Amino acid sequence: MTVDAVRDEEDLSAHEDRLRAGAEALAAAERRLLAQAAALEGRPGVPDWCVPTLRRQAESCRVAAEDMGDAAAVVGRHAARSGAGRAGVRAAAPPGAA
């Protein structure tokens, strides 16, 4: 079984761009969550679980952003190596693909 993560009409550089945009969005979410945690810390009426939960969510966003950035770099290297990232050049279809 093969998984075609990049549709035929798309090139690898577009996929790399989407991964980088996703990484940037997750990094921004991390910053917002950390700012919310800092703003709520020590305030009366804030449940004990709230600030640690925000920090854990921020950490998850950070890790996901790093993973997406790493994936974008891998796709970029693959595109550069294969020439598939250039307009008009397509990567060869896997054996048996229609």
Protein backbone atom coordinates (compact mmCIF):
# COMPACT_ATOMS: atom_id res chain seq x y z
CA MET A 1 0.00 0.00 0.00
CA THR A 2 1.28 3.46 -0.85
CA VAL A 3 0.16 6.81 0.46
CA ASP A 4 0.11 9.74 -1.93
CA ALA A 5 0.52 12.69 0.44
CA VAL A 6 1.16 15.17 -2.39
CA ARG A 7 -1.53 15.36 -5.07
CA ASP A 8 -0.38 15.00 -8.68
CA GLU A 9 -0.99 18.66 -9.56
CA GLU A 10 1.16 19.89 -6.69
CA ASP A 11 4.92 20.07 -6.57
CA LEU A 12 7.15 19.37 -3.62
CA SER A 13 8.01 23.01 -3.03
CA ALA A 14 4.32 23.80 -2.47
CA HIS A 15 4.12 20.93 0.01
CA GLU A 16 7.23 22.26 1.76
CA ASP A 17 5.65 25.72 1.95
CA ARG A 18 2.49 24.30 3.53
CA LEU A 19 4.53 22.40 6.10
CA ARG A 20 6.50 25.54 6.99
CA ALA A 21 3.28 27.56 7.28
CA GLY A 22 1.85 24.91 9.60
CA ALA A 23 5.01 25.01 11.71
CA GLU A 24 4.77 28.80 11.97
CA ALA A 25 1.10 28.60 12.98
CA LEU A 26 1.92 26.07 15.70
CA ALA A 27 4.80 28.22 16.97
CA ALA A 28 2.40 31.17 17.18
CA ALA A 29 -0.08 29.02 19.09
CA GLU A 30 2.69 28.06 21.51
CA ARG A 31 3.48 31.73 22.15
CA ARG A 32 -0.20 32.55 22.74
CA LEU A 33 -0.65 29.66 25.15
CA LEU A 34 2.45 30.63 27.12
CA ALA A 35 1.25 34.24 27.29
CA GLN A 36 -2.14 33.07 28.57
CA ALA A 37 -0.47 30.87 31.18
CA ALA A 38 1.71 33.76 32.34
CA ALA A 39 -1.27 36.11 32.53
CA LEU A 40 -3.30 33.64 34.61
CA GLU A 41 -0.56 32.43 36.94
CA GLY A 42 -1.17 33.43 40.54
CA ARG A 43 -4.49 35.12 39.85
CA PRO A 44 -7.30 34.40 42.27
CA GLY A 45 -10.06 32.15 41.01
CA VAL A 46 -7.93 30.39 38.38
CA PRO A 47 -8.25 26.61 38.82
CA ASP A 48 -5.06 24.80 39.85
CA TRP A 49 -5.07 22.73 36.66
CA CYS A 50 -5.39 25.66 34.26
CA VAL A 51 -1.84 27.04 34.03
CA PRO A 52 -0.10 23.63 33.89
CA THR A 53 -2.56 22.53 31.20
CA LEU A 54 -1.83 25.62 29.10
CA ARG A 55 1.90 24.96 29.47
CA ARG A 56 1.49 21.32 28.41
CA GLN A 57 -0.53 22.40 25.39
CA ALA A 58 2.17 24.96 24.53
CA GLU A 59 4.82 22.24 24.76
CA SER A 60 2.78 20.03 22.43
CA CYS A 61 2.57 22.90 19.93
CA ARG A 62 6.34 23.44 20.19
CA VAL A 63 7.10 19.78 19.51
CA ALA A 64 4.62 19.63 16.62
CA ALA A 65 6.08 22.83 15.14
CA GLU A 66 9.58 21.36 15.30
CA ASP A 67 8.38 18.13 13.69
CA MET A 68 6.65 20.03 10.87
CA GLY A 69 9.73 22.18 10.36
CA ASP A 70 11.88 19.05 10.18
CA ALA A 71 9.46 17.49 7.69
CA ALA A 72 9.56 20.65 5.56
CA ALA A 73 13.35 20.51 5.54
CA VAL A 74 13.29 16.86 4.44
CA VAL A 75 10.82 17.63 1.64
CA GLY A 76 12.97 20.59 0.60
CA ARG A 77 16.12 18.46 0.46
CA HIS A 78 14.28 15.78 -1.50
CA ALA A 79 12.96 18.38 -3.95
CA ALA A 80 16.43 19.86 -4.41
CA ARG A 81 17.98 16.44 -4.95
CA SER A 82 15.36 15.18 -7.37
CA GLY A 83 14.57 18.43 -9.13
CA ALA A 84 10.91 17.73 -8.42
CA GLY A 85 10.40 21.03 -6.66
CA ARG A 86 10.91 23.02 -9.84
CA ALA A 87 7.92 24.08 -11.87
CA GLY A 88 7.19 21.73 -14.72
CA VAL A 89 9.29 18.89 -13.34
CA ARG A 90 7.51 15.96 -11.71
CA ALA A 91 8.85 13.15 -9.63
CA ALA A 92 8.54 9.74 -11.23
CA ALA A 93 5.47 7.75 -10.24
CA PRO A 94 6.12 4.72 -8.04
CA PRO A 95 6.14 1.34 -9.80
CA GLY A 96 2.63 0.11 -10.51
CA ALA A 97 1.06 3.56 -10.13
CA ALA A 98 -1.49 4.52 -12.72
